[in-house]
N, C-alpha and C. Protein backbone atom coordinates (compact mmCIF):
# COMPACT_ATOMS: atom_id res chain seq x y z
N MET A 1 -6.29 36.54 82.04
CA MET A 1 -7.27 36.63 80.80
C MET A 1 -6.39 36.35 79.46
N GLU A 2 -6.60 35.57 78.66
CA GLU A 2 -5.84 35.35 77.37
C GLU A 2 -6.01 36.29 76.29
N GLU A 3 -4.99 36.38 75.66
CA GLU A 3 -4.99 37.43 74.53
C GLU A 3 -5.65 36.97 73.49
N THR A 4 -6.63 37.73 72.87
CA THR A 4 -7.56 37.66 71.73
C THR A 4 -6.44 37.53 70.53
N LYS A 5 -6.72 36.66 69.53
CA LYS A 5 -5.97 36.60 68.26
C LYS A 5 -6.70 36.64 67.24
N ILE A 6 -6.45 37.04 66.08
CA ILE A 6 -7.06 36.96 64.61
C ILE A 6 -5.98 36.80 63.74
N VAL A 7 -6.58 35.86 62.92
CA VAL A 7 -5.69 35.49 61.66
C VAL A 7 -6.33 36.37 60.69
N ALA A 8 -5.34 36.96 59.84
CA ALA A 8 -5.48 37.80 58.78
C ALA A 8 -4.92 37.03 57.47
N ALA A 9 -5.61 36.46 56.50
CA ALA A 9 -5.24 35.50 55.58
C ALA A 9 -4.97 36.68 54.34
N ILE A 10 -3.87 36.63 53.77
CA ILE A 10 -3.57 37.51 52.71
C ILE A 10 -3.04 36.85 51.57
N ASP A 11 -3.16 37.37 50.31
CA ASP A 11 -2.61 36.60 49.19
C ASP A 11 -1.95 37.78 48.05
N GLY A 12 -2.18 38.87 48.50
CA GLY A 12 -1.69 39.94 47.71
C GLY A 12 -2.66 40.58 46.57
N SER A 13 -3.90 39.81 46.61
CA SER A 13 -4.94 40.40 45.83
C SER A 13 -5.78 41.57 46.27
N ASP A 14 -6.51 42.17 45.60
CA ASP A 14 -7.18 43.37 45.92
C ASP A 14 -8.02 43.07 47.29
N TYR A 15 -8.62 41.63 47.47
CA TYR A 15 -9.39 41.55 48.66
C TYR A 15 -8.32 41.47 49.93
N SER A 16 -6.91 41.34 49.84
CA SER A 16 -6.11 41.49 50.83
C SER A 16 -6.00 42.72 51.62
N ASP A 17 -6.16 43.83 50.76
CA ASP A 17 -6.22 45.11 51.41
C ASP A 17 -7.38 45.37 52.06
N LEU A 18 -8.65 44.81 51.62
CA LEU A 18 -10.13 44.80 52.27
C LEU A 18 -9.83 43.84 53.56
N VAL A 19 -9.29 42.70 53.48
CA VAL A 19 -8.90 41.79 54.55
C VAL A 19 -8.19 42.93 55.74
N LEU A 20 -7.13 43.42 55.36
CA LEU A 20 -6.52 44.27 56.43
C LEU A 20 -7.36 45.30 56.89
N ASP A 21 -8.20 45.91 56.20
CA ASP A 21 -9.06 47.00 56.47
C ASP A 21 -9.99 46.54 57.73
N LYS A 22 -10.55 45.32 57.55
CA LYS A 22 -11.40 44.43 58.39
C LYS A 22 -10.44 44.14 59.76
N THR A 23 -9.44 43.60 59.53
CA THR A 23 -8.69 43.05 60.45
C THR A 23 -8.17 44.26 61.42
N ILE A 24 -7.77 45.25 60.99
CA ILE A 24 -7.46 46.58 61.87
C ILE A 24 -8.73 46.89 62.54
N GLN A 25 -9.88 47.11 62.00
CA GLN A 25 -11.13 47.30 62.63
C GLN A 25 -11.49 46.43 63.81
N TYR A 26 -11.20 45.11 63.51
CA TYR A 26 -11.66 44.15 64.52
C TYR A 26 -10.46 44.05 65.74
N ALA A 27 -9.27 44.15 65.08
CA ALA A 27 -8.47 44.05 66.22
C ALA A 27 -8.42 45.26 67.16
N THR A 28 -8.74 46.31 66.76
CA THR A 28 -8.91 47.64 67.49
C THR A 28 -10.19 47.44 68.55
N LEU A 29 -11.23 46.87 68.08
CA LEU A 29 -12.53 46.66 68.73
C LEU A 29 -12.03 45.65 69.89
N LEU A 30 -11.36 44.45 69.60
CA LEU A 30 -11.30 43.55 70.49
C LEU A 30 -10.12 43.67 71.14
N ASN A 31 -9.15 44.48 71.07
CA ASN A 31 -7.72 44.81 71.33
C ASN A 31 -7.17 43.26 71.30
N ALA A 32 -7.02 42.97 69.95
CA ALA A 32 -6.46 41.73 69.62
C ALA A 32 -5.31 41.97 68.99
N SER A 33 -4.33 40.83 69.06
CA SER A 33 -3.24 40.85 68.00
C SER A 33 -3.64 40.05 67.11
N VAL A 34 -2.65 40.14 65.90
CA VAL A 34 -2.94 39.62 64.56
C VAL A 34 -1.91 38.82 64.24
N LEU A 35 -2.31 37.52 63.56
CA LEU A 35 -1.34 36.70 62.88
C LEU A 35 -1.63 36.92 61.37
N LEU A 36 -0.49 37.66 60.64
CA LEU A 36 -0.53 37.93 59.38
C LEU A 36 -0.23 36.70 58.61
N VAL A 37 -1.02 36.07 57.88
CA VAL A 37 -0.67 34.80 57.11
C VAL A 37 -0.51 35.02 55.61
N TYR A 38 0.64 34.51 55.16
CA TYR A 38 0.82 34.47 53.57
C TYR A 38 1.24 33.11 53.33
N CYS A 39 0.51 32.41 52.48
CA CYS A 39 1.11 31.03 52.10
C CYS A 39 1.60 31.05 50.66
N HIS A 40 2.91 30.99 50.58
CA HIS A 40 3.59 31.15 49.25
C HIS A 40 3.58 29.61 48.59
N LYS A 41 4.08 29.66 47.31
CA LYS A 41 3.81 28.42 46.53
C LYS A 41 4.94 27.38 47.23
N LYS A 42 4.84 26.21 46.93
CA LYS A 42 5.49 24.89 47.47
C LYS A 42 7.03 25.12 47.02
N PHE A 43 7.86 24.82 47.98
CA PHE A 43 9.35 24.78 47.32
C PHE A 43 9.50 23.61 46.69
N PRO A 44 10.56 23.60 45.66
CA PRO A 44 10.85 22.61 44.67
C PRO A 44 11.36 21.44 45.35
N THR A 45 11.03 20.36 44.97
CA THR A 45 11.56 19.03 45.50
C THR A 45 12.49 18.39 44.41
N LEU A 46 12.49 18.65 43.36
CA LEU A 46 13.27 17.85 42.22
C LEU A 46 14.43 18.51 41.89
N LEU A 47 14.64 19.78 42.22
CA LEU A 47 15.89 20.49 41.81
C LEU A 47 16.94 20.02 42.89
N GLY A 48 18.25 19.98 42.36
CA GLY A 48 19.49 19.68 43.06
C GLY A 48 20.15 20.93 43.38
N GLU A 49 21.13 20.77 44.19
CA GLU A 49 21.86 22.11 44.81
C GLU A 49 22.91 22.52 43.90
N PRO A 50 23.23 23.79 43.64
CA PRO A 50 22.52 24.94 44.62
C PRO A 50 21.05 25.54 43.98
N HIS A 51 20.73 24.98 42.99
CA HIS A 51 19.39 25.38 42.29
C HIS A 51 18.21 25.64 43.06
N ARG A 52 18.21 24.54 44.04
CA ARG A 52 17.10 24.33 44.98
C ARG A 52 17.03 25.41 46.10
N ASN A 53 18.27 25.78 46.68
CA ASN A 53 18.29 26.73 47.55
C ASN A 53 18.06 28.14 46.97
N GLU A 54 18.63 28.29 45.68
CA GLU A 54 18.30 29.70 45.01
C GLU A 54 16.65 29.73 44.72
N GLN A 55 16.03 28.78 44.23
CA GLN A 55 14.69 28.83 44.17
C GLN A 55 13.93 29.24 45.64
N ILE A 56 14.43 28.45 46.59
CA ILE A 56 13.81 28.74 47.90
C ILE A 56 14.06 30.08 48.32
N ALA A 57 15.29 30.67 48.40
CA ALA A 57 15.52 32.09 48.59
C ALA A 57 14.63 32.94 47.76
N GLU A 58 14.51 32.85 46.37
CA GLU A 58 13.65 33.56 45.73
C GLU A 58 12.27 33.66 45.97
N ILE A 59 11.45 32.37 46.59
CA ILE A 59 10.32 32.20 46.88
C ILE A 59 10.07 33.26 48.31
N ILE A 60 10.94 32.92 49.06
CA ILE A 60 10.85 33.66 50.42
C ILE A 60 11.22 35.17 50.25
N SER A 61 11.79 35.37 49.45
CA SER A 61 12.09 36.93 49.04
C SER A 61 11.04 37.68 48.53
N GLN A 62 10.18 36.86 47.45
CA GLN A 62 9.15 37.42 46.99
C GLN A 62 7.77 37.47 48.00
N ALA A 63 7.82 36.39 49.01
CA ALA A 63 6.76 36.54 49.96
C ALA A 63 7.29 37.71 50.85
N GLU A 64 8.14 37.89 51.40
CA GLU A 64 8.45 38.90 52.41
C GLU A 64 8.09 40.21 51.51
N GLU A 65 8.61 40.50 50.04
CA GLU A 65 8.26 41.67 49.50
C GLU A 65 6.60 41.72 49.60
N LEU A 66 5.89 40.96 49.30
CA LEU A 66 4.49 40.93 49.15
C LEU A 66 3.72 41.29 50.32
N VAL A 67 4.37 40.97 51.62
CA VAL A 67 3.57 41.07 52.81
C VAL A 67 4.04 42.67 53.51
N GLU A 68 5.21 43.11 52.98
CA GLU A 68 5.69 44.25 53.72
C GLU A 68 4.89 45.36 53.59
N PRO A 69 3.93 45.59 52.70
CA PRO A 69 2.81 46.90 52.91
C PRO A 69 2.00 46.43 53.76
N TYR A 70 1.64 45.07 53.99
CA TYR A 70 0.55 44.88 55.10
C TYR A 70 1.17 44.96 56.44
N ARG A 71 2.53 44.76 56.60
CA ARG A 71 3.28 44.92 57.84
C ARG A 71 3.30 46.14 58.18
N GLU A 72 3.68 47.25 57.30
CA GLU A 72 3.68 48.62 57.30
C GLU A 72 2.41 49.02 58.06
N ARG A 73 1.33 48.74 57.33
CA ARG A 73 -0.04 49.36 57.74
C ARG A 73 -0.34 48.82 59.14
N LEU A 74 -0.13 47.81 59.45
CA LEU A 74 -0.16 47.33 61.04
C LEU A 74 0.77 47.95 61.95
N ASP A 75 2.13 48.40 61.50
CA ASP A 75 2.98 49.18 62.22
C ASP A 75 2.33 50.65 62.30
N ASP A 76 1.76 51.01 61.27
CA ASP A 76 1.49 52.56 61.55
C ASP A 76 0.16 52.52 62.33
N VAL A 77 -0.72 51.49 62.49
CA VAL A 77 -1.86 51.62 63.51
C VAL A 77 -1.57 51.18 64.92
N ARG A 78 -0.36 50.68 65.15
CA ARG A 78 0.41 50.02 66.32
C ARG A 78 -0.54 48.81 66.66
N ILE A 79 -0.80 48.09 65.90
CA ILE A 79 -1.48 46.73 65.98
C ILE A 79 -0.23 45.63 66.42
N THR A 80 -0.37 44.97 67.55
CA THR A 80 0.67 43.81 67.54
C THR A 80 0.27 42.64 66.67
N TYR A 81 1.17 42.33 65.98
CA TYR A 81 1.12 41.33 65.16
C TYR A 81 2.39 40.38 64.97
N GLU A 82 2.17 39.12 64.55
CA GLU A 82 3.19 38.35 64.09
C GLU A 82 2.95 37.87 62.46
N CYS A 83 4.02 37.61 61.86
CA CYS A 83 3.90 37.51 60.33
C CYS A 83 4.36 35.89 60.14
N ARG A 84 3.43 35.33 59.43
CA ARG A 84 3.70 33.87 59.05
C ARG A 84 3.84 33.53 57.70
N LEU A 85 4.90 33.47 57.17
CA LEU A 85 4.94 32.86 55.74
C LEU A 85 5.07 31.27 55.81
N MET A 86 3.82 30.86 55.08
CA MET A 86 3.87 29.46 55.09
C MET A 86 3.90 28.69 53.85
N GLU A 87 4.00 27.56 53.61
CA GLU A 87 3.96 26.92 52.47
C GLU A 87 2.70 26.26 52.24
N GLU A 88 2.08 26.39 51.01
CA GLU A 88 0.90 25.84 50.37
C GLU A 88 0.56 24.55 51.16
N PRO A 89 -0.40 23.81 51.11
CA PRO A 89 -1.67 24.52 50.83
C PRO A 89 -2.16 25.35 51.94
N ALA A 90 -2.74 26.56 51.24
CA ALA A 90 -3.22 27.68 52.11
C ALA A 90 -4.27 27.38 53.01
N ALA A 91 -5.27 26.65 52.62
CA ALA A 91 -6.35 26.27 53.55
C ALA A 91 -6.03 25.53 54.96
N ALA A 92 -5.18 24.53 54.41
CA ALA A 92 -4.83 23.85 55.72
C ALA A 92 -3.75 24.51 56.72
N MET A 93 -2.97 25.36 56.19
CA MET A 93 -2.11 26.30 56.99
C MET A 93 -2.96 27.22 57.67
N ILE A 94 -3.91 28.04 57.23
CA ILE A 94 -4.64 28.85 57.93
C ILE A 94 -5.54 28.03 59.09
N VAL A 95 -6.06 27.00 58.77
CA VAL A 95 -6.82 26.34 59.90
C VAL A 95 -5.82 25.90 60.88
N ASP A 96 -4.64 25.41 60.60
CA ASP A 96 -3.85 24.84 61.54
C ASP A 96 -3.17 26.11 62.42
N ILE A 97 -2.92 26.84 61.75
CA ILE A 97 -2.52 28.21 62.77
C ILE A 97 -3.74 28.98 63.75
N ALA A 98 -4.86 28.90 63.12
CA ALA A 98 -5.82 29.13 64.00
C ALA A 98 -6.14 28.21 64.97
N ARG A 99 -6.02 26.97 64.87
CA ARG A 99 -6.19 25.91 65.94
C ARG A 99 -5.05 25.98 66.89
N VAL A 100 -3.76 26.02 66.52
CA VAL A 100 -2.74 25.93 67.44
C VAL A 100 -2.71 27.28 68.25
N GLU A 101 -2.93 28.39 67.65
CA GLU A 101 -2.88 29.75 68.14
C GLU A 101 -4.27 29.93 69.08
N GLU A 102 -5.25 29.13 68.91
CA GLU A 102 -6.31 29.41 69.73
C GLU A 102 -7.04 30.52 69.07
N CYS A 103 -7.02 31.04 67.99
CA CYS A 103 -7.51 32.20 67.50
C CYS A 103 -9.03 32.43 67.60
N GLU A 104 -9.42 33.59 67.70
CA GLU A 104 -11.00 33.83 67.91
C GLU A 104 -11.71 34.09 66.47
N LEU A 105 -10.81 34.48 65.39
CA LEU A 105 -11.45 34.92 64.32
C LEU A 105 -10.28 34.58 63.23
N ILE A 106 -10.90 34.20 62.04
CA ILE A 106 -10.05 34.22 60.80
C ILE A 106 -10.88 35.17 59.81
N ILE A 107 -9.79 36.30 59.48
CA ILE A 107 -10.58 37.18 58.41
C ILE A 107 -9.81 36.86 57.08
N MET A 108 -10.60 36.56 55.98
CA MET A 108 -10.15 36.42 54.52
C MET A 108 -10.76 36.86 53.47
N GLY A 109 -10.42 37.09 52.49
CA GLY A 109 -11.08 37.34 51.15
C GLY A 109 -11.84 36.18 50.37
N SER A 110 -12.73 36.73 49.52
CA SER A 110 -13.50 35.81 48.76
C SER A 110 -12.98 36.28 47.26
N ARG A 111 -12.61 35.20 46.48
CA ARG A 111 -12.31 35.45 45.15
C ARG A 111 -13.37 35.53 44.08
N GLY A 112 -14.75 35.16 44.79
CA GLY A 112 -15.84 35.24 44.05
C GLY A 112 -16.22 34.14 42.97
N LEU A 113 -15.58 33.07 43.40
CA LEU A 113 -15.90 31.76 42.54
C LEU A 113 -17.33 31.34 42.55
N GLY A 114 -17.88 31.09 41.46
CA GLY A 114 -19.39 30.74 41.29
C GLY A 114 -19.66 29.31 42.10
N ASN A 115 -20.62 28.99 42.24
CA ASN A 115 -20.99 27.93 43.05
C ASN A 115 -20.57 26.40 42.13
N LEU A 116 -20.69 26.52 40.86
CA LEU A 116 -20.10 25.21 40.13
C LEU A 116 -18.73 25.27 40.47
N ALA A 117 -18.00 26.57 40.15
CA ALA A 117 -16.69 26.23 40.32
C ALA A 117 -15.99 25.67 41.54
N SER A 118 -16.69 26.38 42.47
CA SER A 118 -16.49 26.03 43.90
C SER A 118 -16.62 24.37 44.16
N LEU A 119 -17.97 23.86 43.53
CA LEU A 119 -18.02 22.54 43.85
C LEU A 119 -16.76 21.49 43.01
N ILE A 120 -16.48 22.00 41.92
CA ILE A 120 -15.64 21.34 41.12
C ILE A 120 -14.01 21.36 41.69
N ILE A 121 -13.76 22.71 41.81
CA ILE A 121 -12.34 22.77 42.36
C ILE A 121 -12.18 23.19 43.78
N GLY A 122 -13.06 23.56 44.30
CA GLY A 122 -13.09 24.10 45.86
C GLY A 122 -12.12 25.25 45.71
N SER A 123 -12.55 26.14 46.77
CA SER A 123 -11.62 27.13 47.02
C SER A 123 -11.06 27.33 48.44
N VAL A 124 -9.97 28.23 48.52
CA VAL A 124 -9.29 28.25 49.85
C VAL A 124 -10.42 28.64 50.96
N THR A 125 -11.19 29.67 50.51
CA THR A 125 -12.10 30.17 51.49
C THR A 125 -13.29 29.09 51.91
N ASN A 126 -13.74 28.39 51.06
CA ASN A 126 -14.44 27.25 51.16
C ASN A 126 -14.03 26.43 51.84
N GLN A 127 -12.74 25.94 51.72
CA GLN A 127 -12.09 24.92 52.46
C GLN A 127 -11.83 25.35 54.22
N VAL A 128 -11.46 26.64 54.21
CA VAL A 128 -11.39 27.21 55.51
C VAL A 128 -12.75 27.18 56.45
N LEU A 129 -13.67 27.74 55.51
CA LEU A 129 -15.08 27.59 56.16
C LEU A 129 -15.57 26.35 56.74
N GLN A 130 -15.11 25.15 55.91
CA GLN A 130 -15.70 23.86 56.43
C GLN A 130 -14.93 23.25 57.63
N SER A 131 -13.73 23.86 57.90
CA SER A 131 -12.77 23.22 58.69
C SER A 131 -12.33 23.93 59.78
N ALA A 132 -12.51 25.38 59.81
CA ALA A 132 -11.82 26.29 60.88
C ALA A 132 -12.56 25.91 62.28
N PRO A 133 -11.79 26.23 63.18
CA PRO A 133 -11.92 25.87 64.72
C PRO A 133 -12.66 27.22 65.30
N CYS A 134 -12.78 28.32 64.44
CA CYS A 134 -13.31 29.60 65.12
C CYS A 134 -14.07 30.08 63.93
N SER A 135 -14.72 31.48 64.04
CA SER A 135 -15.50 32.07 63.47
C SER A 135 -14.55 32.52 62.11
N VAL A 136 -15.29 32.61 61.10
CA VAL A 136 -14.68 33.09 59.70
C VAL A 136 -15.39 34.43 59.29
N LEU A 137 -14.62 35.46 58.97
CA LEU A 137 -15.17 36.57 58.41
C LEU A 137 -14.86 36.68 56.86
N VAL A 138 -15.54 36.45 56.02
CA VAL A 138 -15.25 36.56 54.45
C VAL A 138 -15.43 37.99 53.91
N VAL A 139 -14.59 38.64 53.55
CA VAL A 139 -14.67 39.98 53.32
C VAL A 139 -14.85 40.05 51.51
N ARG A 140 -15.73 40.81 51.25
CA ARG A 140 -16.06 41.01 49.82
C ARG A 140 -15.72 42.64 49.47
């Protein structure tokens, strides 16, 4: 039998704590492993060396610092997980990881954008809902 996998998409917001709460709950119920996904900002393309490498190192360092408390919580409850630090765009990355890893569920937060704002600019959550290869649990 294949391992059940859950994507937990975090961004460091208050919703991310709620996402991890639900992820722990569902991973425990389903005996699933977790793919903890954080999408950092894009790496600079117009900077020359060594400034570009310095900026990339800073982005990665900030991303690792942001995900550390979530990793610690998963370690504390002994849930198997992998951490994926990905470059934006977040929605595409979350969907791609879920598809490639054949995940059963994506758990992510909602930032509460109104309907009009969602139609105009789109939200990561809305984009994932439209193209996910599996079920999506949106945490409020």
